[in-house]
C-alpha cells in the first residue's frame, strides 16, 4: 500500500472541499477565521513576510489571498505550491 499516494489523495479531496466554499481571492477576514487568528497585526505581519502563500496587496482592495495556493499550503507540504 502506497501511503504517500493515499495521503496525497486525502489532501486533494480536502482542498477541493474547501475550494467550493470560498471565492478565488479570499479576504483577510476569511483567512483569519480559517487560521483562527484574532490579532489583525499578526495576520498582516504574516502576509507582509510572505508566510501565507498566495497573498498579494491589490491597490484599492487591500490584501487578497489566492484560495487554491492557500489551501494547498494549509493541508500539505509547501513544495506542492
Protein backbone atom coordinates (compact mmCIF):
# COMPACT_ATOMS: atom_id res chain seq x y z
CA UNK A 1 0.00 0.00 0.00
CA UNK A 2 1.42 3.38 -1.00
CA UNK A 3 0.71 5.65 1.97
CA UNK A 4 2.16 8.71 0.26
CA UNK A 5 -0.30 8.35 -2.62
CA UNK A 6 -3.22 7.84 -0.22
CA UNK A 7 -2.20 10.90 1.80
CA UNK A 8 -1.98 12.97 -1.39
CA UNK A 9 -5.47 11.87 -2.42
CA UNK A 10 -6.87 12.77 1.01
CA UNK A 11 -5.24 16.20 0.84
CA UNK A 12 -6.57 16.81 -2.67
CA UNK A 13 -10.10 15.89 -1.58
CA UNK A 14 -9.88 18.20 1.44
CA UNK A 15 -8.58 21.08 -0.71
CA UNK A 16 -11.39 20.53 -3.23
CA UNK A 17 -13.98 20.68 -0.42
CA UNK A 18 -12.57 23.99 0.87
CA UNK A 19 -12.30 25.48 -2.60
CA UNK A 20 -16.05 25.05 -3.07
CA UNK A 21 -16.72 27.26 -0.01
CA UNK A 22 -14.56 30.27 -0.89
CA UNK A 23 -14.04 32.72 -3.73
CA UNK A 24 -10.83 32.59 -5.78
CA UNK A 25 -9.44 35.65 -3.98
CA UNK A 26 -10.15 35.45 -0.28
CA UNK A 27 -10.31 38.44 2.03
CA UNK A 28 -8.09 38.72 5.08
CA UNK A 29 -11.10 38.16 7.33
CA UNK A 30 -11.66 34.71 5.76
CA UNK A 31 -8.01 33.74 6.17
CA UNK A 32 -8.04 34.94 9.79
CA UNK A 33 -11.07 32.82 10.55
CA UNK A 34 -9.62 29.70 8.90
CA UNK A 35 -6.29 30.10 10.71
CA UNK A 36 -8.06 31.06 13.95
CA UNK A 37 -6.03 34.26 14.27
CA UNK A 38 -7.69 37.06 16.21
CA UNK A 39 -4.93 39.68 16.01
CA UNK A 40 -5.07 41.85 12.88
CA UNK A 41 -1.43 42.80 13.34
CA UNK A 42 -0.33 39.18 13.31
CA UNK A 43 -2.14 38.31 10.09
CA UNK A 44 -0.81 41.40 8.28
CA UNK A 45 2.70 40.67 9.52
CA UNK A 46 2.42 37.14 8.12
CA UNK A 47 1.18 38.48 4.78
CA UNK A 48 3.92 41.11 4.57
CA UNK A 49 6.56 38.46 5.35
CA UNK A 50 5.21 36.02 2.73
CA UNK A 51 4.37 33.49 5.43
CA UNK A 52 0.96 32.91 3.86
CA UNK A 53 1.28 31.73 0.25
CA UNK A 54 -0.82 33.41 -2.39
CA UNK A 55 -1.12 36.73 -0.54
CA UNK A 56 -1.00 39.90 -2.62
CA UNK A 57 -1.77 43.52 -1.84
CA UNK A 58 -4.08 44.85 -4.54
CA UNK A 59 -4.36 48.65 -4.91
CA UNK A 60 -7.82 49.83 -3.94
CA UNK A 61 -8.81 46.44 -2.50
CA UNK A 62 -6.17 45.66 0.09
CA UNK A 63 -4.83 42.17 0.74
CA UNK A 64 -6.27 39.19 -1.07
CA UNK A 65 -5.15 35.58 -0.79
CA UNK A 66 -5.31 33.10 -3.64
CA UNK A 67 -7.66 30.41 -2.39
CA UNK A 68 -6.01 27.49 -4.20
CA UNK A 69 -2.46 28.26 -3.08
CA UNK A 70 -3.64 28.93 0.45
CA UNK A 71 -5.46 25.62 0.88
CA UNK A 72 -2.70 23.59 -0.76
CA UNK A 73 -0.27 25.19 1.70
CA UNK A 74 -2.62 24.69 4.62
CA UNK A 75 -3.22 21.00 4.01
CA UNK A 76 0.09 19.85 2.59
CA UNK A 77 3.79 20.47 2.17
CA UNK A 78 4.70 23.91 0.87
CA UNK A 79 6.70 22.41 -2.01
CA UNK A 80 3.43 21.49 -3.78
CA UNK A 81 2.66 25.17 -4.44
